[in-house]
Amino acid sequence: MKFRKILSGASMVTAVFLFLVMPNAVSADTITFDYQDFLVSTTTTSNTPLTANPASAPALPADNTFTLDPTIYPNYYFSSGEGKFERFNFVLPTNYSNLTFSFRASVNDWYALYINDTAVAIQNSTGTDNFAEPLPGFSMNAAGTATDPSGKLEYLLTSGMQPLFQSGANELTLFGRDTLQYGGFSVAYGEINYDTNGTPPPNGVPEPATVLLLGLGLVGLAGVRRLK
């Protein structure tokens, strides 16, 4: 009878230990953003050409110029032929995987979207349908393939977009430009989804599973001594 109690206690300790030391399960994380999460640059352009060729997208301004609130006039406003930049900063963990990305924007009149320093999408048509749903934009799946369900983009990097994301700090920059009398940033929103695994604590810091195992072991030893 005593042996059975000891064995039962040992089994419980083993089961708890195995549960706690198993690799952490993959969890899904999401970053959502809209136009209020951007900051507008103090740098502007004048009559910058923008075609379906990504090489025509203008060079990005310095990081320290993105300081203006996008909700305050005239930060979001374009005068005739004027171009402006706005940026959303976000961070990805070191162990992310299966990243997907979707983006939509309404800019009066043209826009180019950059992931870090690379232009990935351009809309340079001026039709009024660009202001109706579905807004000009795209979706990229976990395999890295991007598609334009809106049918309103003149350029889209359909493959090779996923490697542009990186662990740590990332930048999503939107360039917009007026082509007639006035324009501005109107709507911009999107979602970044990815899987992540839990990371172990730094060396020298006991894991919770180890601490609990030691505690259960002491309890088990105490039980064995009482049974003797």
C-alpha atoms as a PDB file:
ATOM      1  CA  MET A   1       0.000   0.000   0.000  1.00  0.00           C
ATOM      2  CA  LYS A   2       2.836   2.372   0.928  1.00  0.00           C
ATOM      3  CA  PHE A   3       4.630   1.535  -2.313  1.00  0.00           C
ATOM      4  CA  ARG A   4       1.518   2.357  -4.328  1.00  0.00           C
ATOM      5  CA  LYS A   5       1.186   5.774  -2.676  1.00  0.00           C
ATOM      6  CA  ILE A   6       4.826   6.548  -3.350  1.00  0.00           C
ATOM      7  CA  LEU A   7       4.454   5.469  -6.985  1.00  0.00           C
ATOM      8  CA  SER A   8       1.310   7.582  -7.371  1.00  0.00           C
ATOM      9  CA  GLY A   9       3.075  10.649  -5.993  1.00  0.00           C
ATOM     10  CA  ALA A  10       6.056  10.092  -8.297  1.00  0.00           C
ATOM     11  CA  SER A  11       3.747   9.743 -11.309  1.00  0.00           C
ATOM     12  CA  MET A  12       2.048  13.033 -10.510  1.00  0.00           C
ATOM     13  CA  VAL A  13       5.395  14.825 -10.237  1.00  0.00           C
ATOM     14  CA  THR A  14       6.529  13.304 -13.547  1.00  0.00           C
ATOM     15  CA  ALA A  15       3.302  14.270 -15.336  1.00  0.00           C
ATOM     16  CA  VAL A  16       3.476  17.868 -14.117  1.00  0.00           C
ATOM     17  CA  PHE A  17       7.135  18.094 -15.099  1.00  0.00           C
ATOM     18  CA  LEU A  18       6.537  16.785 -18.617  1.00  0.00           C
ATOM     19  CA  PHE A  19       3.640  19.213 -19.123  1.00  0.00           C
ATOM     20  CA  LEU A  20       5.693  22.208 -18.036  1.00  0.00           C
ATOM     21  CA  VAL A  21       8.919  21.448 -19.899  1.00  0.00           C
ATOM     22  CA  MET A  22       7.283  20.681 -23.227  1.00  0.00           C
ATOM     23  CA  PRO A  23       8.115  23.313 -25.916  1.00  0.00           C
ATOM     24  CA  ASN A  24       5.831  26.329 -25.738  1.00  0.00           C
ATOM     25  CA  ALA A  25       2.920  26.157 -28.152  1.00  0.00           C
ATOM     26  CA  VAL A  26       2.820  28.409 -31.175  1.00  0.00           C
ATOM     27  CA  SER A  27       0.622  31.459 -30.644  1.00  0.00           C
ATOM     28  CA  ALA A  28      -0.866  33.832 -33.208  1.00  0.00           C
ATOM     29  CA  ASP A  29      -0.271  37.569 -32.912  1.00  0.00           C
ATOM     30  CA  THR A  30      -1.790  40.484 -34.808  1.00  0.00           C
ATOM     31  CA  ILE A  31      -0.726  44.077 -35.432  1.00  0.00           C
ATOM     32  CA  THR A  32      -3.535  46.302 -36.667  1.00  0.00           C
ATOM     33  CA  PHE A  33      -3.142  49.915 -37.732  1.00  0.00           C
ATOM     34  CA  ASP A  34      -5.020  52.798 -39.319  1.00  0.00           C
ATOM     35  CA  TYR A  35      -4.235  56.350 -40.429  1.00  0.00           C
ATOM     36  CA  GLN A  36      -4.046  57.628 -36.850  1.00  0.00           C
ATOM     37  CA  ASP A  37      -1.046  55.359 -36.167  1.00  0.00           C
ATOM     38  CA  PHE A  38       1.123  57.079 -38.794  1.00  0.00           C
ATOM     39  CA  LEU A  39       3.332  60.137 -38.441  1.00  0.00           C
ATOM     40  CA  VAL A  40       3.719  62.596 -41.328  1.00  0.00           C
ATOM     41  CA  SER A  41       7.156  63.754 -42.473  1.00  0.00           C
ATOM     42  CA  THR A  42       8.124  67.417 -42.623  1.00  0.00           C
ATOM     43  CA  THR A  43       9.719  66.640 -46.017  1.00  0.00           C
ATOM     44  CA  THR A  44       7.562  67.388 -49.065  1.00  0.00           C
ATOM     45  CA  THR A  45       7.995  66.985 -52.831  1.00  0.00           C
ATOM     46  CA  SER A  46       6.721  68.958 -55.805  1.00  0.00           C
ATOM     47  CA  ASN A  47       5.328  67.407 -59.002  1.00  0.00           C
ATOM     48  CA  THR A  48       7.167  64.132 -58.392  1.00  0.00           C
ATOM     49  CA  PRO A  49       6.446  61.680 -61.232  1.00  0.00           C
ATOM     50  CA  LEU A  50       4.997  58.309 -60.212  1.00  0.00           C
ATOM     51  CA  THR A  51       4.455  55.506 -62.721  1.00  0.00           C
ATOM     52  CA  ALA A  52       3.791  51.781 -62.582  1.00  0.00           C
ATOM     53  CA  ASN A  53       7.564  51.308 -62.405  1.00  0.00           C
ATOM     54  CA  PRO A  54       8.649  51.011 -58.738  1.00  0.00           C
ATOM     55  CA  ALA A  55      11.883  52.806 -59.629  1.00  0.00           C
ATOM     56  CA  SER A  56       9.782  55.973 -60.027  1.00  0.00           C
ATOM     57  CA  ALA A  57       8.834  55.965 -56.330  1.00  0.00           C
ATOM     58  CA  PRO A  58      10.658  58.846 -54.616  1.00  0.00           C
ATOM     59  CA  ALA A  59      13.480  58.342 -52.130  1.00  0.00           C
ATOM     60  CA  LEU A  60      12.349  58.223 -48.520  1.00  0.00           C
ATOM     61  CA  PRO A  61      13.104  61.146 -46.207  1.00  0.00           C
ATOM     62  CA  ALA A  62      15.195  60.885 -43.057  1.00  0.00           C
ATOM     63  CA  ASP A  63      13.675  58.985 -40.133  1.00  0.00           C
ATOM     64  CA  ASN A  64      13.783  62.003 -37.819  1.00  0.00           C
ATOM     65  CA  THR A  65      11.461  64.008 -40.093  1.00  0.00           C
ATOM     66  CA  PHE A  66       8.395  61.875 -39.236  1.00  0.00           C
ATOM     67  CA  THR A  67       7.022  64.006 -36.430  1.00  0.00           C
ATOM     68  CA  LEU A  68       3.623  65.413 -37.517  1.00  0.00           C
ATOM     69  CA  ASP A  69       0.185  64.268 -36.328  1.00  0.00           C
ATOM     70  CA  PRO A  70      -1.722  62.887 -39.354  1.00  0.00           C
ATOM     71  CA  THR A  71      -5.090  63.996 -37.965  1.00  0.00           C
ATOM     72  CA  ILE A  72      -4.261  67.709 -37.806  1.00  0.00           C
ATOM     73  CA  TYR A  73      -4.675  70.083 -40.746  1.00  0.00           C
ATOM     74  CA  PRO A  74      -2.623  70.832 -42.827  1.00  0.00           C
ATOM     75  CA  ASN A  75      -0.395  67.819 -42.072  1.00  0.00           C
ATOM     76  CA  TYR A  76      -2.551  65.440 -44.133  1.00  0.00           C
ATOM     77  CA  TYR A  77      -3.329  68.017 -46.859  1.00  0.00           C
ATOM     78  CA  PHE A  78      -1.585  68.269 -50.274  1.00  0.00           C
ATOM     79  CA  SER A  79      -1.494  71.522 -52.194  1.00  0.00           C
ATOM     80  CA  SER A  80      -1.371  71.412 -56.017  1.00  0.00           C
ATOM     81  CA  GLY A  81       1.297  68.906 -57.134  1.00  0.00           C
ATOM     82  CA  GLU A  82       2.558  68.440 -53.577  1.00  0.00           C
ATOM     83  CA  GLY A  83       3.703  65.072 -52.248  1.00  0.00           C
ATOM     84  CA  LYS A  84       4.032  63.957 -48.634  1.00  0.00           C
ATOM     85  CA  PHE A  85       5.169  60.895 -46.673  1.00  0.00           C
ATOM     86  CA  GLU A  86       3.674  59.255 -43.604  1.00  0.00           C
ATOM     87  CA  ARG A  87       5.044  56.296 -41.629  1.00  0.00           C
ATOM     88  CA  PHE A  88       3.893  53.555 -39.267  1.00  0.00           C
ATOM     89  CA  ASN A  89       6.597  51.906 -37.126  1.00  0.00           C
ATOM     90  CA  PHE A  90       6.189  48.419 -35.680  1.00  0.00           C
ATOM     91  CA  VAL A  91       8.306  45.652 -34.159  1.00  0.00           C
ATOM     92  CA  LEU A  92       8.411  41.939 -34.989  1.00  0.00           C
ATOM     93  CA  PRO A  93       9.855  39.340 -32.572  1.00  0.00           C
ATOM     94  CA  THR A  94      12.969  37.327 -33.370  1.00  0.00           C
ATOM     95  CA  ASN A  95      11.048  34.060 -33.682  1.00  0.00           C
ATOM     96  CA  TYR A  96       8.088  35.021 -35.888  1.00  0.00           C
ATOM     97  CA  SER A  97       6.877  32.882 -38.811  1.00  0.00           C
ATOM     98  CA  ASN A  98       3.959  32.519 -41.258  1.00  0.00           C
ATOM     99  CA  LEU A  99       3.566  36.282 -41.615  1.00  0.00           C
ATOM    100  CA  THR A 100       0.593  37.621 -43.590  1.00  0.00           C
ATOM    101  CA  PHE A 101      -0.123  41.235 -44.477  1.00  0.00           C
ATOM    102  CA  SER A 102      -3.052  43.227 -45.826  1.00  0.00           C
ATOM    103  CA  PHE A 103      -3.257  46.927 -46.697  1.00  0.00           C
ATOM    104  CA  ARG A 104      -5.849  49.383 -48.046  1.00  0.00           C
ATOM    105  CA  ALA A 105      -5.604  53.123 -48.653  1.00  0.00           C
ATOM    106  CA  SER A 106      -7.490  56.031 -50.147  1.00  0.00           C
ATOM    107  CA  VAL A 107      -5.160  58.864 -51.151  1.00  0.00           C
ATOM    108  CA  ASN A 108      -6.097  61.864 -53.260  1.00  0.00           C
ATOM    109  CA  ASP A 109      -4.608  61.273 -55.828  1.00  0.00           C
ATOM    110  CA  TRP A 110      -1.631  58.857 -56.076  1.00  0.00           C
ATOM    111  CA  TYR A 111       0.198  56.657 -53.609  1.00  0.00           C
ATOM    112  CA  ALA A 112       3.218  54.380 -53.235  1.00  0.00           C
ATOM    113  CA  LEU A 113       3.670  52.014 -50.295  1.00  0.00           C
ATOM    114  CA  TYR A 114       7.078  50.977 -48.973  1.00  0.00           C
ATOM    115  CA  ILE A 115       8.044  48.153 -46.625  1.00  0.00           C
ATOM    116  CA  ASN A 116      11.195  49.432 -44.999  1.00  0.00           C
ATOM    117  CA  ASP A 117      13.041  50.930 -48.019  1.00  0.00           C
ATOM    118  CA  THR A 118      11.344  49.026 -50.861  1.00  0.00           C
ATOM    119  CA  ALA A 119       8.294  50.180 -52.838  1.00  0.00           C
ATOM    120  CA  VAL A 120       5.824  47.274 -52.951  1.00  0.00           C
ATOM    121  CA  ALA A 121       2.615  48.850 -54.313  1.00  0.00           C
ATOM    122  CA  ILE A 122       1.682  51.835 -56.493  1.00  0.00           C
ATOM    123  CA  GLN A 123      -1.684  53.360 -57.363  1.00  0.00           C
ATOM    124  CA  ASN A 124      -1.335  56.180 -59.905  1.00  0.00           C
ATOM    125  CA  SER A 125      -4.775  56.272 -61.492  1.00  0.00           C
ATOM    126  CA  THR A 126      -7.112  59.147 -60.624  1.00  0.00           C
ATOM    127  CA  GLY A 127     -10.579  57.600 -61.054  1.00  0.00           C
ATOM    128  CA  THR A 128     -13.274  58.316 -58.495  1.00  0.00           C
ATOM    129  CA  ASP A 129     -13.661  54.573 -57.915  1.00  0.00           C
ATOM    130  CA  ASN A 130     -10.400  54.741 -55.941  1.00  0.00           C
ATOM    131  CA  PHE A 131     -12.421  56.301 -53.139  1.00  0.00           C
ATOM    132  CA  ALA A 132     -14.988  53.493 -53.020  1.00  0.00           C
ATOM    133  CA  GLU A 133     -14.717  50.041 -51.492  1.00  0.00           C
ATOM    134  CA  PRO A 134     -12.786  47.953 -52.120  1.00  0.00           C
ATOM    135  CA  LEU A 135     -10.101  50.601 -51.686  1.00  0.00           C
ATOM    136  CA  PRO A 136      -6.851  50.208 -53.627  1.00  0.00           C
ATOM    137  CA  GLY A 137      -4.769  47.642 -51.787  1.00  0.00           C
ATOM    138  CA  PHE A 138      -3.617  44.053 -51.524  1.00  0.00           C
ATOM    139  CA  SER A 139      -3.235  40.964 -49.376  1.00  0.00           C
ATOM    140  CA  MET A 140      -0.140  38.795 -48.894  1.00  0.00           C
ATOM    141  CA  ASN A 141      -0.524  35.210 -47.658  1.00  0.00           C
ATOM    142  CA  ALA A 142       1.832  33.152 -45.464  1.00  0.00           C
ATOM    143  CA  ALA A 143       3.519  31.721 -48.572  1.00  0.00           C
ATOM    144  CA  GLY A 144       4.573  35.262 -49.521  1.00  0.00           C
ATOM    145  CA  THR A 145       2.237  35.660 -52.520  1.00  0.00           C
ATOM    146  CA  ALA A 146       0.525  39.055 -52.811  1.00  0.00           C
ATOM    147  CA  THR A 147      -2.669  39.671 -54.783  1.00  0.00           C
ATOM    148  CA  ASP A 148      -4.728  42.773 -55.580  1.00  0.00           C
ATOM    149  CA  PRO A 149      -8.424  41.929 -55.023  1.00  0.00           C
ATOM    150  CA  SER A 150      -9.313  45.601 -55.552  1.00  0.00           C
ATOM    151  CA  GLY A 151      -7.979  45.599 -59.122  1.00  0.00           C
ATOM    152  CA  LYS A 152      -6.926  49.231 -58.595  1.00  0.00           C
ATOM    153  CA  LEU A 153      -3.156  49.035 -58.268  1.00  0.00           C
ATOM    154  CA  GLU A 154      -0.859  49.795 -61.192  1.00  0.00           C
ATOM    155  CA  TYR A 155       2.042  47.967 -59.534  1.00  0.00           C
ATOM    156  CA  LEU A 156       2.266  45.226 -56.894  1.00  0.00           C
ATOM    157  CA  LEU A 157       5.251  43.176 -55.771  1.00  0.00           C
ATOM    158  CA  THR A 158       3.488  39.829 -56.055  1.00  0.00           C
ATOM    159  CA  SER A 159       6.400  37.729 -54.767  1.00  0.00           C
ATOM    160  CA  GLY A 160       9.425  38.593 -52.663  1.00  0.00           C
ATOM    161  CA  MET A 161       7.515  40.846 -50.258  1.00  0.00           C
ATOM    162  CA  GLN A 162       7.785  38.638 -47.187  1.00  0.00           C
ATOM    163  CA  PRO A 163      11.619  38.816 -46.871  1.00  0.00           C
ATOM    164  CA  LEU A 164      11.335  42.624 -46.656  1.00  0.00           C
ATOM    165  CA  PHE A 165       9.974  42.226 -43.135  1.00  0.00           C
ATOM    166  CA  GLN A 166      12.581  41.677 -40.428  1.00  0.00           C
ATOM    167  CA  SER A 167      12.914  40.846 -36.759  1.00  0.00           C
ATOM    168  CA  GLY A 168      13.013  44.015 -34.698  1.00  0.00           C
ATOM    169  CA  ALA A 169      12.052  47.474 -35.943  1.00  0.00           C
ATOM    170  CA  ASN A 170      10.147  47.842 -39.233  1.00  0.00           C
ATOM    171  CA  GLU A 171       8.786  50.816 -41.176  1.00  0.00           C
ATOM    172  CA  LEU A 172       5.676  51.039 -43.325  1.00  0.00           C
ATOM    173  CA  THR A 173       5.811  54.275 -45.341  1.00  0.00           C
ATOM    174  CA  LEU A 174       3.067  55.749 -47.514  1.00  0.00           C
ATOM    175  CA  PHE A 175       3.860  58.416 -50.120  1.00  0.00           C
ATOM    176  CA  GLY A 176       0.909  60.425 -51.448  1.00  0.00           C
ATOM    177  CA  ARG A 177       0.708  63.101 -54.111  1.00  0.00           C
ATOM    178  CA  ASP A 178      -1.850  65.494 -55.564  1.00  0.00           C
ATOM    179  CA  THR A 179      -2.155  65.724 -59.371  1.00  0.00           C
ATOM    180  CA  LEU A 180      -4.690  68.556 -59.790  1.00  0.00           C
ATOM    181  CA  GLN A 181      -5.548  71.342 -57.347  1.00  0.00           C
ATOM    182  CA  TYR A 182      -5.447  69.737 -53.911  1.00  0.00           C
ATOM    183  CA  GLY A 183      -5.498  66.333 -52.238  1.00  0.00           C
ATOM    184  CA  GLY A 184      -4.390  64.498 -49.150  1.00  0.00           C
ATOM    185  CA  PHE A 185      -4.115  61.345 -47.077  1.00  0.00           C
ATOM    186  CA  SER A 186      -7.602  60.066 -46.356  1.00  0.00           C
ATOM    187  CA  VAL A 187      -7.800  56.438 -45.251  1.00  0.00           C
ATOM    188  CA  ALA A 188      -5.050  53.901 -44.608  1.00  0.00           C
ATOM    189  CA  TYR A 189      -5.405  50.692 -42.651  1.00  0.00           C
ATOM    190  CA  GLY A 190      -4.090  47.153 -42.523  1.00  0.00           C
ATOM    191  CA  GLU A 191      -3.232  44.079 -40.527  1.00  0.00           C
ATOM    192  CA  ILE A 192      -0.085  42.051 -39.945  1.00  0.00           C
ATOM    193  CA  ASN A 193      -0.536  38.505 -38.630  1.00  0.00           C
ATOM    194  CA  TYR A 194       2.213  36.096 -37.601  1.00  0.00           C
ATOM    195  CA  ASP A 195       2.945  33.068 -35.448  1.00  0.00           C
ATOM    196  CA  THR A 196       5.424  33.189 -32.621  1.00  0.00           C
ATOM    197  CA  ASN A 197       6.984  30.704 -30.173  1.00  0.00           C
ATOM    198  CA  GLY A 198       7.752  31.491 -26.549  1.00  0.00           C
ATOM    199  CA  THR A 199      11.421  32.263 -25.873  1.00  0.00           C
ATOM    200  CA  PRO A 200      13.317  30.702 -22.955  1.00  0.00           C
ATOM    201  CA  PRO A 201      14.452  32.960 -20.091  1.00  0.00           C
ATOM    202  CA  PRO A 202      18.070  34.253 -20.061  1.00  0.00           C
ATOM    203  CA  ASN A 203      20.823  31.935 -18.811  1.00  0.00           C
ATOM    204  CA  GLY A 204      21.069  31.819 -15.046  1.00  0.00           C
ATOM    205  CA  VAL A 205      17.359  32.493 -14.443  1.00  0.00           C
ATOM    206  CA  PRO A 206      15.526  29.319 -13.337  1.00  0.00           C
ATOM    207  CA  GLU A 207      12.575  28.374 -15.518  1.00  0.00           C
ATOM    208  CA  PRO A 208       9.191  28.202 -13.747  1.00  0.00           C
ATOM    209  CA  ALA A 209       9.011  24.497 -14.579  1.00  0.00           C
ATOM    210  CA  THR A 210      12.337  23.856 -12.856  1.00  0.00           C
ATOM    211  CA  VAL A 211      11.327  25.759  -9.741  1.00  0.00           C
ATOM    212  CA  LEU A 212       8.014  23.920  -9.508  1.00  0.00           C
ATOM    213  CA  LEU A 213       9.688  20.561 -10.085  1.00  0.00           C
ATOM    214  CA  LEU A 214      12.079  21.166  -7.211  1.00  0.00           C
ATOM    215  CA  GLY A 215       9.168  22.135  -4.974  1.00  0.00           C
ATOM    216  CA  LEU A 216       7.181  19.043  -5.908  1.00  0.00           C
ATOM    217  CA  GLY A 217      10.251  16.897  -5.341  1.00  0.00           C
ATOM    218  CA  LEU A 218      10.616  18.225  -1.823  1.00  0.00           C
ATOM    219  CA  VAL A 219       6.941  17.587  -1.164  1.00  0.00           C
ATOM    220  CA  GLY A 220       7.342  14.044  -2.496  1.00  0.00           C
ATOM    221  CA  LEU A 221      10.336  13.381  -0.258  1.00  0.00           C
ATOM    222  CA  ALA A 222       8.418  14.617   2.743  1.00  0.00           C
ATOM    223  CA  GLY A 223       5.582  12.233   1.885  1.00  0.00           C
ATOM    224  CA  VAL A 224       7.966   9.314   1.553  1.00  0.00           C
ATOM    225  CA  ARG A 225       9.472  10.043   4.967  1.00  0.00           C
ATOM    226  CA  ARG A 226       6.002  10.105   6.566  1.00  0.00           C
ATOM    227  CA  LEU A 227       5.194   6.715   5.017  1.00  0.00           C
ATOM    228  CA  LYS A 228       8.290   5.063   6.409  1.00  0.00           C
END
